[in-house]
Structures are given as structure tokens and as C-alpha cells.
Amino acid sequence: MRRMALAFLLLTLVLVGGCATYKEELQLHKDGSGTLSFISGVVDLFGTEGEVKYDPGGIDGYRIVSVNSYTDEEFAWTEAVAEFDSIDVLAKVAQTSEGFVGCFSYEKDAEGNMLFTRDLSPIRDLIRVFAGEDELSGEMIEEELGELALLPWNYAVQFAGQVLDSNALPENIDETTNTVRWSFTFRDLVEAPQILWATIAP
């Protein structure tokens, strides 16, 4: 049983870039350009194979500003900051970089407002395909991964305009700074599709 649990742990975490815990902060300007920063904690047993691929290379309009790495008793940490020229560029990075699994979009809706979406469901889809399981219950994930299943994965976006609506919890919408925050556990990401969205005044 312990060997099976370890195999499942290796499979799931490697598929999403080796991260056991993750924090992503996006600052989005009115023209769609912006800054992306993240902090990822990687389980030490993965070594360099578990590092988030924050710089896939070969994508114009995406620039790494800074990278800082360090290790403590629990994780090997990577902090990185990148600049991007448009949300379309960031979407291309997400397609090629294991560390940014998921989809970005920022487009006008039918009412002329801007709709931001960050679709994290590809994480769930990858795990299910490679694990060979159509259904992975939260209980199964927690049983196999233990405390790792409950570590936080946090996402935040600061917009240039007023936040009109979002599927974030009301207490996680800061109207003063136009910042929206979402928080999940790894169990949440695998158990059900997670799509972040916010409607922003033009």
C-alpha cells in the first residue's frame, strides 16, 4: 500500500510540475499586459526534475525579471517574476510550461465588460488520464497523499478596472485594490474542475 501511495504521489505531482504548494499573483493592466509572480514549493525527492518550468523559452513578449531559489526543511522553493505583453502571450506560456498548467483568457463579454478566466481543469484532466481513473474521489486523493493533498494553491489577480462580479468568495474581493483571490487545496484541483472568473469594468 505504501509503495502504491508513493507511486501515486510521484505521478500526480510530477504532472503538475512537481509542486506540492503554489501561489500565483497576476497584475493585469488595462491593455492586457502585466506581471506574473509565483512561489512554488517542490518536494525535495523530485530534485531538479520537479522544478516549475517558469521560462519555456522561444515566446516573444514574455520576459523573466527575477528568479530566487532556496530550500528549507520541507520544500525546495522557487520565486519568479515575469512580464508579459498580452494575455494571449501568457496563454501561450501556459500551453508549453508545466508550471502554469491551465488556460488564460481576457476578452469582452456580451455587455462590453472584460471577462477574465483562468481555467485550472487541465490539471484534473491530466491526473485522471495518466492515473487511468475516470473518477478520483477527494477521499482517495487525501488517503494517498496525506497532508500534501491539503496544502494550499493560491491564485490572485489585480485588475486595472473595477471588479463587477466574480466566483471568488465575497471576502476575497478587495474593491479598494481591484484584487480577487481564490484558494484551493491540491485535493480540490483534482476532485472537481476549477475555473476562476471575474468580470471587470472596461
N, C-alpha and C. Protein backbone atom coordinates (compact mmCIF):
# COMPACT_ATOMS: atom_id res chain seq x y z
N MET A 1 0.83 -1.21 0.00
CA MET A 1 0.00 0.00 0.00
C MET A 1 0.87 1.26 0.00
N ARG A 2 1.95 1.24 0.81
CA ARG A 2 2.80 2.42 0.88
C ARG A 2 3.49 2.67 -0.45
N ARG A 3 3.90 1.56 -1.14
CA ARG A 3 4.54 1.72 -2.44
C ARG A 3 3.56 2.30 -3.44
N MET A 4 2.32 1.84 -3.39
CA MET A 4 1.30 2.36 -4.30
C MET A 4 1.05 3.84 -4.04
N ALA A 5 1.04 4.22 -2.76
CA ALA A 5 0.82 5.62 -2.42
C ALA A 5 1.95 6.50 -2.95
N LEU A 6 3.20 6.01 -2.81
CA LEU A 6 4.34 6.77 -3.28
C LEU A 6 4.29 6.91 -4.80
N ALA A 7 3.91 5.83 -5.49
CA ALA A 7 3.81 5.90 -6.95
C ALA A 7 2.76 6.92 -7.37
N PHE A 8 1.65 6.94 -6.67
CA PHE A 8 0.58 7.89 -6.99
C PHE A 8 1.06 9.31 -6.73
N LEU A 9 1.78 9.51 -5.63
CA LEU A 9 2.33 10.82 -5.28
C LEU A 9 3.26 11.31 -6.38
N LEU A 10 4.18 10.46 -6.81
CA LEU A 10 5.12 10.83 -7.86
C LEU A 10 4.39 11.21 -9.13
N LEU A 11 3.43 10.39 -9.50
CA LEU A 11 2.69 10.62 -10.74
C LEU A 11 1.97 11.96 -10.72
N THR A 12 1.18 12.19 -9.70
CA THR A 12 0.35 13.38 -9.69
C THR A 12 1.17 14.66 -9.59
N LEU A 13 2.15 14.67 -8.71
CA LEU A 13 2.91 15.90 -8.52
C LEU A 13 3.83 16.21 -9.70
N VAL A 14 4.42 15.19 -10.30
CA VAL A 14 5.28 15.44 -11.46
C VAL A 14 4.47 16.01 -12.62
N LEU A 15 3.24 15.54 -12.77
CA LEU A 15 2.41 16.00 -13.88
C LEU A 15 2.09 17.48 -13.79
N VAL A 16 2.09 18.03 -12.60
CA VAL A 16 1.79 19.46 -12.47
C VAL A 16 3.05 20.23 -12.10
N GLY A 17 4.21 19.73 -12.54
CA GLY A 17 5.45 20.46 -12.36
C GLY A 17 6.13 20.18 -11.05
N GLY A 18 5.69 19.16 -10.29
CA GLY A 18 6.36 18.80 -9.06
C GLY A 18 5.93 19.62 -7.87
N CYS A 19 4.99 20.51 -8.04
CA CYS A 19 4.61 21.40 -6.95
C CYS A 19 3.78 20.68 -5.90
N ALA A 20 4.09 20.94 -4.65
CA ALA A 20 3.23 20.48 -3.56
C ALA A 20 2.39 21.65 -3.05
N THR A 21 2.91 22.86 -3.18
CA THR A 21 2.16 24.06 -2.81
C THR A 21 2.53 25.17 -3.78
N TYR A 22 1.59 26.07 -4.04
CA TYR A 22 1.80 27.02 -5.14
C TYR A 22 1.02 28.30 -4.86
N LYS A 23 1.65 29.43 -5.18
CA LYS A 23 0.99 30.73 -5.05
C LYS A 23 1.30 31.54 -6.30
N GLU A 24 0.25 32.02 -6.95
CA GLU A 24 0.39 32.77 -8.20
C GLU A 24 -0.29 34.12 -8.06
N GLU A 25 0.41 35.19 -8.42
CA GLU A 25 -0.15 36.54 -8.37
C GLU A 25 0.03 37.20 -9.73
N LEU A 26 -1.08 37.68 -10.26
CA LEU A 26 -1.10 38.27 -11.58
C LEU A 26 -1.56 39.72 -11.47
N GLN A 27 -0.79 40.64 -12.04
CA GLN A 27 -1.19 42.04 -12.12
C GLN A 27 -1.48 42.33 -13.59
N LEU A 28 -2.74 42.63 -13.88
CA LEU A 28 -3.18 42.78 -15.26
C LEU A 28 -3.51 44.23 -15.56
N HIS A 29 -2.82 44.82 -16.54
CA HIS A 29 -3.05 46.20 -16.93
C HIS A 29 -4.23 46.29 -17.90
N LYS A 30 -4.68 47.48 -18.14
CA LYS A 30 -5.87 47.68 -18.98
C LYS A 30 -5.66 47.19 -20.41
N ASP A 31 -4.42 47.28 -20.90
CA ASP A 31 -4.14 46.85 -22.28
C ASP A 31 -3.88 45.35 -22.39
N GLY A 32 -3.97 44.62 -21.27
CA GLY A 32 -3.78 43.18 -21.30
C GLY A 32 -2.37 42.73 -20.98
N SER A 33 -1.44 43.68 -20.88
CA SER A 33 -0.08 43.33 -20.46
C SER A 33 -0.06 43.22 -18.93
N GLY A 34 1.07 42.81 -18.39
CA GLY A 34 1.10 42.73 -16.94
C GLY A 34 2.31 42.02 -16.39
N THR A 35 2.20 41.65 -15.12
CA THR A 35 3.28 40.98 -14.39
C THR A 35 2.73 39.73 -13.72
N LEU A 36 3.47 38.66 -13.81
CA LEU A 36 3.11 37.41 -13.16
C LEU A 36 4.21 37.03 -12.18
N SER A 37 3.84 36.77 -10.94
CA SER A 37 4.80 36.28 -9.96
C SER A 37 4.26 35.01 -9.32
N PHE A 38 5.15 34.11 -8.98
CA PHE A 38 4.70 32.90 -8.33
C PHE A 38 5.75 32.39 -7.35
N ILE A 39 5.27 31.65 -6.39
CA ILE A 39 6.12 30.94 -5.44
C ILE A 39 5.67 29.49 -5.45
N SER A 40 6.59 28.57 -5.72
CA SER A 40 6.23 27.16 -5.72
C SER A 40 7.11 26.40 -4.74
N GLY A 41 6.48 25.48 -4.02
CA GLY A 41 7.21 24.61 -3.11
C GLY A 41 7.22 23.21 -3.68
N VAL A 42 8.43 22.67 -3.89
CA VAL A 42 8.59 21.37 -4.53
C VAL A 42 9.11 20.38 -3.50
N VAL A 43 8.54 19.18 -3.49
CA VAL A 43 9.02 18.14 -2.60
C VAL A 43 10.45 17.78 -2.97
N ASP A 44 11.35 17.73 -2.00
CA ASP A 44 12.76 17.54 -2.27
C ASP A 44 13.09 16.27 -3.04
N LEU A 45 12.27 15.22 -2.90
CA LEU A 45 12.61 13.96 -3.53
C LEU A 45 12.58 14.03 -5.04
N PHE A 46 12.00 15.10 -5.62
CA PHE A 46 11.97 15.23 -7.07
C PHE A 46 13.27 15.78 -7.63
N GLY A 47 14.06 16.46 -6.81
CA GLY A 47 15.27 17.09 -7.31
C GLY A 47 14.94 18.12 -8.38
N THR A 48 15.84 18.29 -9.34
CA THR A 48 15.62 19.30 -10.38
C THR A 48 14.50 18.92 -11.32
N GLU A 49 14.12 17.63 -11.36
CA GLU A 49 13.05 17.22 -12.25
C GLU A 49 11.70 17.79 -11.84
N GLY A 50 11.61 18.20 -10.56
CA GLY A 50 10.34 18.70 -10.06
C GLY A 50 10.18 20.20 -10.16
N GLU A 51 11.19 20.90 -10.68
CA GLU A 51 11.13 22.36 -10.71
C GLU A 51 10.08 22.85 -11.70
N VAL A 52 9.39 23.91 -11.31
CA VAL A 52 8.43 24.52 -12.22
C VAL A 52 9.18 25.14 -13.40
N LYS A 53 8.67 24.89 -14.59
CA LYS A 53 9.31 25.42 -15.79
C LYS A 53 8.74 26.80 -16.07
N TYR A 54 9.27 27.79 -15.34
CA TYR A 54 8.74 29.14 -15.38
C TYR A 54 9.15 29.88 -16.64
N ASP A 55 10.13 29.36 -17.39
CA ASP A 55 10.60 30.03 -18.59
C ASP A 55 10.71 29.02 -19.72
N PRO A 56 9.62 28.79 -20.47
CA PRO A 56 9.65 27.80 -21.54
C PRO A 56 10.54 28.19 -22.71
N GLY A 57 10.83 29.49 -22.87
CA GLY A 57 11.70 29.95 -23.94
C GLY A 57 11.02 29.99 -25.30
N GLY A 58 11.51 30.86 -26.15
CA GLY A 58 11.01 30.93 -27.52
C GLY A 58 9.67 31.61 -27.69
N ILE A 59 9.20 32.33 -26.67
CA ILE A 59 7.91 33.01 -26.76
C ILE A 59 8.15 34.52 -26.65
N ASP A 60 7.93 35.23 -27.75
CA ASP A 60 8.12 36.68 -27.76
C ASP A 60 7.07 37.34 -26.86
N GLY A 61 7.49 38.38 -26.15
CA GLY A 61 6.58 39.12 -25.31
C GLY A 61 6.47 38.58 -23.89
N TYR A 62 7.34 37.62 -23.55
CA TYR A 62 7.36 37.05 -22.19
C TYR A 62 8.79 37.11 -21.68
N ARG A 63 9.01 37.82 -20.56
CA ARG A 63 10.36 38.06 -20.06
C ARG A 63 10.46 37.73 -18.57
N ILE A 64 11.45 36.95 -18.19
CA ILE A 64 11.72 36.68 -16.79
C ILE A 64 12.46 37.88 -16.19
N VAL A 65 11.93 38.43 -15.11
CA VAL A 65 12.53 39.59 -14.46
C VAL A 65 13.46 39.15 -13.34
N SER A 66 13.05 38.17 -12.56
CA SER A 66 13.89 37.71 -11.44
C SER A 66 13.51 36.29 -11.06
N VAL A 67 14.51 35.58 -10.52
CA VAL A 67 14.30 34.22 -10.01
C VAL A 67 15.10 34.06 -8.73
N ASN A 68 14.48 33.49 -7.73
CA ASN A 68 15.16 33.23 -6.46
C ASN A 68 14.79 31.83 -5.99
N SER A 69 15.79 31.02 -5.64
CA SER A 69 15.54 29.66 -5.18
C SER A 69 16.21 29.43 -3.83
N TYR A 70 15.54 28.68 -2.99
CA TYR A 70 16.09 28.32 -1.68
C TYR A 70 15.37 27.08 -1.17
N THR A 71 15.95 26.47 -0.13
CA THR A 71 15.41 25.23 0.41
C THR A 71 15.28 25.33 1.92
N ASP A 72 14.17 24.80 2.45
CA ASP A 72 14.04 24.70 3.90
C ASP A 72 13.80 23.23 4.25
N GLU A 73 13.31 22.96 5.44
CA GLU A 73 13.17 21.58 5.89
C GLU A 73 12.09 20.83 5.13
N GLU A 74 11.14 21.55 4.51
CA GLU A 74 10.02 20.88 3.85
C GLU A 74 10.11 20.87 2.33
N PHE A 75 10.49 22.01 1.74
CA PHE A 75 10.41 22.14 0.30
C PHE A 75 11.63 22.83 -0.29
N ALA A 76 11.81 22.62 -1.59
CA ALA A 76 12.70 23.45 -2.39
C ALA A 76 11.82 24.52 -3.03
N TRP A 77 12.08 25.79 -2.70
CA TRP A 77 11.21 26.89 -3.13
C TRP A 77 11.79 27.61 -4.33
N THR A 78 10.92 28.05 -5.22
CA THR A 78 11.30 28.91 -6.33
C THR A 78 10.36 30.11 -6.36
N GLU A 79 10.93 31.29 -6.38
CA GLU A 79 10.16 32.52 -6.55
C GLU A 79 10.58 33.14 -7.88
N ALA A 80 9.63 33.49 -8.71
CA ALA A 80 9.95 34.08 -10.00
C ALA A 80 8.97 35.18 -10.35
N VAL A 81 9.45 36.15 -11.09
CA VAL A 81 8.62 37.25 -11.58
C VAL A 81 8.84 37.37 -13.08
N ALA A 82 7.74 37.48 -13.83
CA ALA A 82 7.83 37.62 -15.28
C ALA A 82 6.93 38.75 -15.74
N GLU A 83 7.28 39.35 -16.86
CA GLU A 83 6.46 40.37 -17.51
C GLU A 83 5.95 39.80 -18.84
N PHE A 84 4.73 40.19 -19.22
CA PHE A 84 4.18 39.72 -20.48
C PHE A 84 3.48 40.88 -21.19
N ASP A 85 3.47 40.83 -22.52
CA ASP A 85 2.93 41.93 -23.32
C ASP A 85 1.42 41.83 -23.52
N SER A 86 0.86 40.64 -23.38
CA SER A 86 -0.58 40.45 -23.55
C SER A 86 -1.01 39.16 -22.89
N ILE A 87 -2.30 39.04 -22.64
CA ILE A 87 -2.82 37.82 -22.05
C ILE A 87 -2.69 36.66 -23.03
N ASP A 88 -2.69 36.96 -24.34
CA ASP A 88 -2.50 35.91 -25.34
C ASP A 88 -1.10 35.30 -25.23
N VAL A 89 -0.12 36.15 -24.95
CA VAL A 89 1.24 35.65 -24.75
C VAL A 89 1.29 34.73 -23.52
N LEU A 90 0.63 35.16 -22.46
CA LEU A 90 0.61 34.35 -21.24
C LEU A 90 -0.10 33.02 -21.49
N ALA A 91 -1.12 33.04 -22.32
CA ALA A 91 -1.82 31.80 -22.66
C ALA A 91 -0.89 30.83 -23.39
N LYS A 92 -0.01 31.36 -24.24
CA LYS A 92 0.95 30.50 -24.94
C LYS A 92 1.95 29.90 -23.95
N VAL A 93 2.38 30.69 -22.97
CA VAL A 93 3.29 30.18 -21.95
C VAL A 93 2.64 29.04 -21.18
N ALA A 94 1.36 29.20 -20.87
CA ALA A 94 0.65 28.17 -20.11
C ALA A 94 0.55 26.87 -20.90
N GLN A 95 0.50 26.96 -22.21
CA GLN A 95 0.39 25.75 -23.04
C GLN A 95 1.68 24.95 -23.05
N THR A 96 2.82 25.63 -22.87
CA THR A 96 4.11 24.95 -23.01
C THR A 96 4.84 24.75 -21.69
N SER A 97 4.36 25.36 -20.62
CA SER A 97 5.07 25.31 -19.35
C SER A 97 4.30 24.48 -18.33
N GLU A 98 4.93 23.42 -17.82
CA GLU A 98 4.27 22.56 -16.85
C GLU A 98 3.89 23.32 -15.58
N GLY A 99 4.65 24.36 -15.28
CA GLY A 99 4.37 25.09 -14.05
C GLY A 99 3.13 25.94 -14.11
N PHE A 100 2.64 26.23 -15.33
CA PHE A 100 1.46 27.07 -15.48
C PHE A 100 0.33 26.30 -16.17
N VAL A 101 0.14 25.06 -15.78
CA VAL A 101 -0.93 24.26 -16.38
C VAL A 101 -2.25 24.99 -16.22
N GLY A 102 -3.01 25.09 -17.30
CA GLY A 102 -4.28 25.80 -17.26
C GLY A 102 -4.37 26.78 -18.41
N CYS A 103 -5.49 27.47 -18.52
CA CYS A 103 -5.73 28.38 -19.64
C CYS A 103 -6.07 29.78 -19.13
N PHE A 104 -5.58 30.80 -19.84
CA PHE A 104 -5.88 32.19 -19.54
C PHE A 104 -6.71 32.79 -20.67
N SER A 105 -7.65 33.67 -20.33
CA SER A 105 -8.30 34.49 -21.34
C SER A 105 -8.78 35.79 -20.70
N TYR A 106 -8.85 36.84 -21.51
CA TYR A 106 -9.30 38.16 -21.04
C TYR A 106 -9.94 38.84 -22.23
N GLU A 107 -11.26 38.76 -22.33
CA GLU A 107 -11.98 39.20 -23.52
C GLU A 107 -13.24 39.95 -23.15
N LYS A 108 -13.76 40.72 -24.11
CA LYS A 108 -15.02 41.43 -23.89
C LYS A 108 -16.18 40.44 -23.86
N ASP A 109 -17.12 40.68 -22.94
CA ASP A 109 -18.32 39.86 -22.92
C ASP A 109 -19.43 40.54 -23.71
N ALA A 110 -20.63 39.97 -23.68
CA ALA A 110 -21.74 40.50 -24.48
C ALA A 110 -22.16 41.89 -24.05
N GLU A 111 -21.85 42.28 -22.81
CA GLU A 111 -22.24 43.59 -22.30
C GLU A 111 -21.13 44.62 -22.42
N GLY A 112 -20.02 44.26 -23.01
CA GLY A 112 -18.92 45.19 -23.21
C GLY A 112 -17.94 45.26 -22.05
N ASN A 113 -18.17 44.46 -21.00
CA ASN A 113 -17.21 44.38 -19.91
C ASN A 113 -16.11 43.38 -20.26
N MET A 114 -15.06 43.36 -19.47
CA MET A 114 -13.97 42.43 -19.70
C MET A 114 -14.15 41.21 -18.79
N LEU A 115 -14.07 40.03 -19.40
CA LEU A 115 -14.22 38.78 -18.65
C LEU A 115 -12.87 38.08 -18.58
N PHE A 116 -12.36 37.92 -17.36
CA PHE A 116 -11.12 37.18 -17.14
C PHE A 116 -11.45 35.76 -16.71
N THR A 117 -10.79 34.78 -17.32
CA THR A 117 -10.93 33.40 -16.87
C THR A 117 -9.56 32.76 -16.75
N ARG A 118 -9.45 31.91 -15.75
CA ARG A 118 -8.24 31.09 -15.53
C ARG A 118 -8.74 29.68 -15.28
N ASP A 119 -8.66 28.85 -16.31
CA ASP A 119 -9.23 27.51 -16.26
C ASP A 119 -8.16 26.53 -15.76
N LEU A 120 -8.37 25.98 -14.56
CA LEU A 120 -7.42 25.05 -13.97
C LEU A 120 -7.82 23.60 -14.18
N SER A 121 -8.89 23.35 -14.91
CA SER A 121 -9.36 21.98 -15.08
C SER A 121 -8.38 21.07 -15.82
N PRO A 122 -7.46 21.60 -16.67
CA PRO A 122 -6.46 20.69 -17.27
C PRO A 122 -5.61 19.94 -16.25
N ILE A 123 -5.42 20.52 -15.05
CA ILE A 123 -4.70 19.80 -14.00
C ILE A 123 -5.44 18.52 -13.67
N ARG A 124 -6.74 18.65 -13.45
CA ARG A 124 -7.59 17.50 -13.12
C ARG A 124 -7.59 16.49 -14.26
N ASP A 125 -7.70 16.98 -15.49
CA ASP A 125 -7.76 16.09 -16.64
C ASP A 125 -6.48 15.29 -16.80
N LEU A 126 -5.33 15.95 -16.62
CA LEU A 126 -4.04 15.27 -16.73
C LEU A 126 -3.92 14.15 -15.71
N ILE A 127 -4.28 14.45 -14.48
CA ILE A 127 -4.16 13.46 -13.41
C ILE A 127 -5.02 12.25 -13.72
N ARG A 128 -6.24 12.48 -14.15
CA ARG A 128 -7.18 11.38 -14.40
C ARG A 128 -6.73 10.52 -15.59
N VAL A 129 -6.22 11.15 -16.63
CA VAL A 129 -5.78 10.40 -17.80
C VAL A 129 -4.58 9.52 -17.45
N PHE A 130 -3.57 10.10 -16.81
CA PHE A 130 -2.36 9.35 -16.55
C PHE A 130 -2.49 8.39 -15.39
N ALA A 131 -3.42 8.65 -14.50
CA ALA A 131 -3.67 7.70 -13.41
C ALA A 131 -4.58 6.57 -13.87
N GLY A 132 -5.18 6.73 -15.06
CA GLY A 132 -6.05 5.69 -15.57
C GLY A 132 -7.34 5.56 -14.80
N GLU A 133 -7.79 6.67 -14.21
CA GLU A 133 -9.00 6.65 -13.41
C GLU A 133 -9.98 7.70 -13.93
N ASP A 134 -11.22 7.28 -14.22
CA ASP A 134 -12.24 8.23 -14.64
C ASP A 134 -12.71 9.08 -13.47
N GLU A 135 -12.72 8.48 -12.28
CA GLU A 135 -13.17 9.18 -11.10
C GLU A 135 -12.14 9.02 -9.98
N LEU A 136 -11.68 10.14 -9.46
CA LEU A 136 -10.78 10.13 -8.30
C LEU A 136 -11.46 10.93 -7.21
N SER A 137 -11.89 10.27 -6.18
CA SER A 137 -12.61 10.95 -5.11
C SER A 137 -11.64 11.74 -4.24
N GLY A 138 -12.17 12.75 -3.58
CA GLY A 138 -11.35 13.51 -2.65
C GLY A 138 -10.79 12.65 -1.55
N GLU A 139 -11.58 11.68 -1.11
CA GLU A 139 -11.12 10.79 -0.06
C GLU A 139 -9.94 9.95 -0.52
N MET A 140 -9.98 9.48 -1.78
CA MET A 140 -8.88 8.69 -2.32
C MET A 140 -7.61 9.52 -2.41
N ILE A 141 -7.76 10.75 -2.89
CA ILE A 141 -6.60 11.64 -3.03
C ILE A 141 -5.97 11.92 -1.67
N GLU A 142 -6.81 12.22 -0.70
CA GLU A 142 -6.30 12.54 0.63
C GLU A 142 -5.67 11.31 1.28
N GLU A 143 -6.25 10.14 1.05
CA GLU A 143 -5.70 8.91 1.62
C GLU A 143 -4.32 8.62 1.06
N GLU A 144 -4.13 8.84 -0.24
CA GLU A 144 -2.86 8.53 -0.89
C GLU A 144 -1.79 9.59 -0.63
N LEU A 145 -2.20 10.85 -0.61
CA LEU A 145 -1.21 11.93 -0.49
C LEU A 145 -1.04 12.47 0.92
N GLY A 146 -1.96 12.15 1.81
CA GLY A 146 -1.86 12.64 3.18
C GLY A 146 -1.92 14.16 3.24
N GLU A 147 -1.01 14.77 3.99
CA GLU A 147 -1.04 16.22 4.20
C GLU A 147 -0.78 16.99 2.91
N LEU A 148 -0.06 16.39 1.96
CA LEU A 148 0.21 17.08 0.70
C LEU A 148 -1.08 17.43 -0.04
N ALA A 149 -2.10 16.60 0.12
CA ALA A 149 -3.38 16.84 -0.57
C ALA A 149 -4.06 18.10 -0.06
N LEU A 150 -3.70 18.53 1.15
CA LEU A 150 -4.38 19.67 1.78
C LEU A 150 -3.56 20.95 1.77
N LEU A 151 -2.38 20.91 1.15
CA LEU A 151 -1.56 22.12 1.07
C LEU A 151 -2.22 23.13 0.13
N PRO A 152 -2.03 24.43 0.40
CA PRO A 152 -2.74 25.46 -0.37
C PRO A 152 -2.16 25.72 -1.75
N TRP A 153 -3.05 25.98 -2.68
CA TRP A 153 -2.73 26.50 -4.01
C TRP A 153 -3.52 27.80 -4.14
N ASN A 154 -2.84 28.94 -4.14
CA ASN A 154 -3.48 30.25 -4.09
C ASN A 154 -3.26 31.03 -5.39
N TYR A 155 -4.31 31.69 -5.83
CA TYR A 155 -4.27 32.50 -7.05
C TYR A 155 -4.85 33.88 -6.76
N ALA A 156 -4.19 34.92 -7.26
CA ALA A 156 -4.69 36.29 -7.07
C ALA A 156 -4.48 37.08 -8.36
N VAL A 157 -5.44 37.93 -8.67
CA VAL A 157 -5.33 38.81 -9.84
C VAL A 157 -5.71 40.22 -9.43
N GLN A 158 -4.84 41.18 -9.75
CA GLN A 158 -5.15 42.59 -9.55
C GLN A 158 -5.45 43.20 -10.91
N PHE A 159 -6.64 43.76 -11.03
CA PHE A 159 -7.11 44.31 -12.30
C PHE A 159 -6.96 45.82 -12.32
N ALA A 160 -6.95 46.39 -13.52
CA ALA A 160 -6.86 47.84 -13.66
C ALA A 160 -8.21 48.50 -13.43
N GLY A 161 -9.29 47.78 -13.70
CA GLY A 161 -10.63 48.34 -13.55
C GLY A 161 -11.39 47.75 -12.38
N GLN A 162 -12.60 48.26 -12.17
CA GLN A 162 -13.44 47.82 -11.06
C GLN A 162 -13.93 46.38 -11.27
N VAL A 163 -13.89 45.61 -10.20
CA VAL A 163 -14.39 44.24 -10.25
C VAL A 163 -15.91 44.28 -10.08
N LEU A 164 -16.63 43.83 -11.12
CA LEU A 164 -18.09 43.87 -11.09
C LEU A 164 -18.69 42.59 -10.52
N ASP A 165 -18.03 41.46 -10.80
CA ASP A 165 -18.55 40.17 -10.33
C ASP A 165 -17.43 39.14 -10.41
N SER A 166 -17.56 38.07 -9.64
CA SER A 166 -16.56 37.01 -9.65
C SER A 166 -17.11 35.79 -8.93
N ASN A 167 -16.54 34.63 -9.21
CA ASN A 167 -16.92 33.44 -8.47
C ASN A 167 -16.03 33.21 -7.25
N ALA A 168 -15.17 34.19 -6.93
CA ALA A 168 -14.42 34.13 -5.68
C ALA A 168 -15.36 34.42 -4.51
N LEU A 169 -14.96 34.00 -3.33
CA LEU A 169 -15.75 34.32 -2.15
C LEU A 169 -15.79 35.84 -1.96
N PRO A 170 -16.92 36.38 -1.51
CA PRO A 170 -17.04 37.84 -1.33
C PRO A 170 -15.91 38.45 -0.50
N GLU A 171 -15.48 37.74 0.54
CA GLU A 171 -14.42 38.28 1.40
C GLU A 171 -13.06 38.27 0.71
N ASN A 172 -12.96 37.60 -0.45
CA ASN A 172 -11.71 37.57 -1.19
C ASN A 172 -11.68 38.53 -2.37
N ILE A 173 -12.64 39.45 -2.40
CA ILE A 173 -12.66 40.50 -3.42
C ILE A 173 -12.38 41.83 -2.75
N ASP A 174 -11.24 42.42 -3.07
CA ASP A 174 -10.82 43.70 -2.48
C ASP A 174 -11.18 44.81 -3.47
N GLU A 175 -12.23 45.55 -3.17
CA GLU A 175 -12.70 46.59 -4.08
C GLU A 175 -11.78 47.81 -4.08
N THR A 176 -10.98 47.95 -3.04
CA THR A 176 -10.05 49.09 -2.97
C THR A 176 -8.90 48.93 -3.96
N THR A 177 -8.36 47.71 -4.05
CA THR A 177 -7.22 47.47 -4.95
C THR A 177 -7.62 46.71 -6.21
N ASN A 178 -8.92 46.41 -6.36
CA ASN A 178 -9.41 45.64 -7.51
C ASN A 178 -8.69 44.29 -7.63
N THR A 179 -8.53 43.64 -6.48
CA THR A 179 -7.83 42.36 -6.43
C THR A 179 -8.80 41.25 -6.03
N VAL A 180 -8.71 40.14 -6.74
CA VAL A 180 -9.54 38.97 -6.46
C VAL A 180 -8.63 37.80 -6.12
N ARG A 181 -9.00 37.03 -5.10
CA ARG A 181 -8.19 35.89 -4.66
C ARG A 181 -9.03 34.61 -4.62
N TRP A 182 -8.41 33.54 -5.04
CA TRP A 182 -9.01 32.21 -4.96
C TRP A 182 -8.03 31.29 -4.25
N SER A 183 -8.54 30.38 -3.46
CA SER A 183 -7.67 29.44 -2.74
C SER A 183 -8.24 28.04 -2.82
N PHE A 184 -7.36 27.08 -3.10
CA PHE A 184 -7.75 25.68 -3.21
C PHE A 184 -6.71 24.82 -2.50
N THR A 185 -7.05 23.56 -2.31
CA THR A 185 -6.06 22.56 -1.96
C THR A 185 -5.81 21.71 -3.20
N PHE A 186 -4.74 20.93 -3.17
CA PHE A 186 -4.49 20.05 -4.30
C PHE A 186 -5.65 19.07 -4.47
N ARG A 187 -6.24 18.66 -3.36
CA ARG A 187 -7.43 17.79 -3.42
C ARG A 187 -8.54 18.47 -4.22
N ASP A 188 -8.78 19.75 -3.97
CA ASP A 188 -9.82 20.50 -4.70
C ASP A 188 -9.57 20.48 -6.20
N LEU A 189 -8.30 20.68 -6.59
CA LEU A 189 -7.97 20.79 -8.01
C LEU A 189 -8.19 19.48 -8.76
N VAL A 190 -7.96 18.36 -8.07
CA VAL A 190 -8.10 17.06 -8.71
C VAL A 190 -9.53 16.54 -8.63
N GLU A 191 -10.23 16.90 -7.56
CA GLU A 191 -11.56 16.36 -7.32
C GLU A 191 -12.62 16.94 -8.25
N ALA A 192 -12.49 18.23 -8.60
CA ALA A 192 -13.52 18.89 -9.42
C ALA A 192 -12.88 19.96 -10.30
N PRO A 193 -13.46 20.24 -11.47
CA PRO A 193 -12.93 21.31 -12.33
C PRO A 193 -12.98 22.66 -11.61
N GLN A 194 -11.90 23.41 -11.72
CA GLN A 194 -11.85 24.73 -11.08
C GLN A 194 -11.59 25.78 -12.16
N ILE A 195 -12.54 26.65 -12.36
CA ILE A 195 -12.40 27.73 -13.34
C ILE A 195 -12.61 29.06 -12.62
N LEU A 196 -11.57 29.86 -12.57
CA LEU A 196 -11.63 31.18 -11.92
C LEU A 196 -12.16 32.19 -12.94
N TRP A 197 -13.05 33.06 -12.49
CA TRP A 197 -13.50 34.11 -13.42
C TRP A 197 -13.84 35.38 -12.65
N ALA A 198 -13.71 36.49 -13.37
CA ALA A 198 -14.07 37.79 -12.83
C ALA A 198 -14.48 38.70 -13.98
N THR A 199 -15.52 39.48 -13.76
CA THR A 199 -15.97 40.46 -14.75
C THR A 199 -15.49 41.84 -14.31
N ILE A 200 -14.85 42.54 -15.24
CA ILE A 200 -14.20 43.81 -14.92
C ILE A 200 -14.77 44.93 -15.77
N ALA A 201 -14.99 46.08 -15.15
CA ALA A 201 -15.48 47.25 -15.89
C ALA A 201 -14.44 47.69 -16.90
N PRO A 202 -14.87 48.09 -18.11
CA PRO A 202 -13.90 48.49 -19.15
C PRO A 202 -13.22 49.81 -18.81
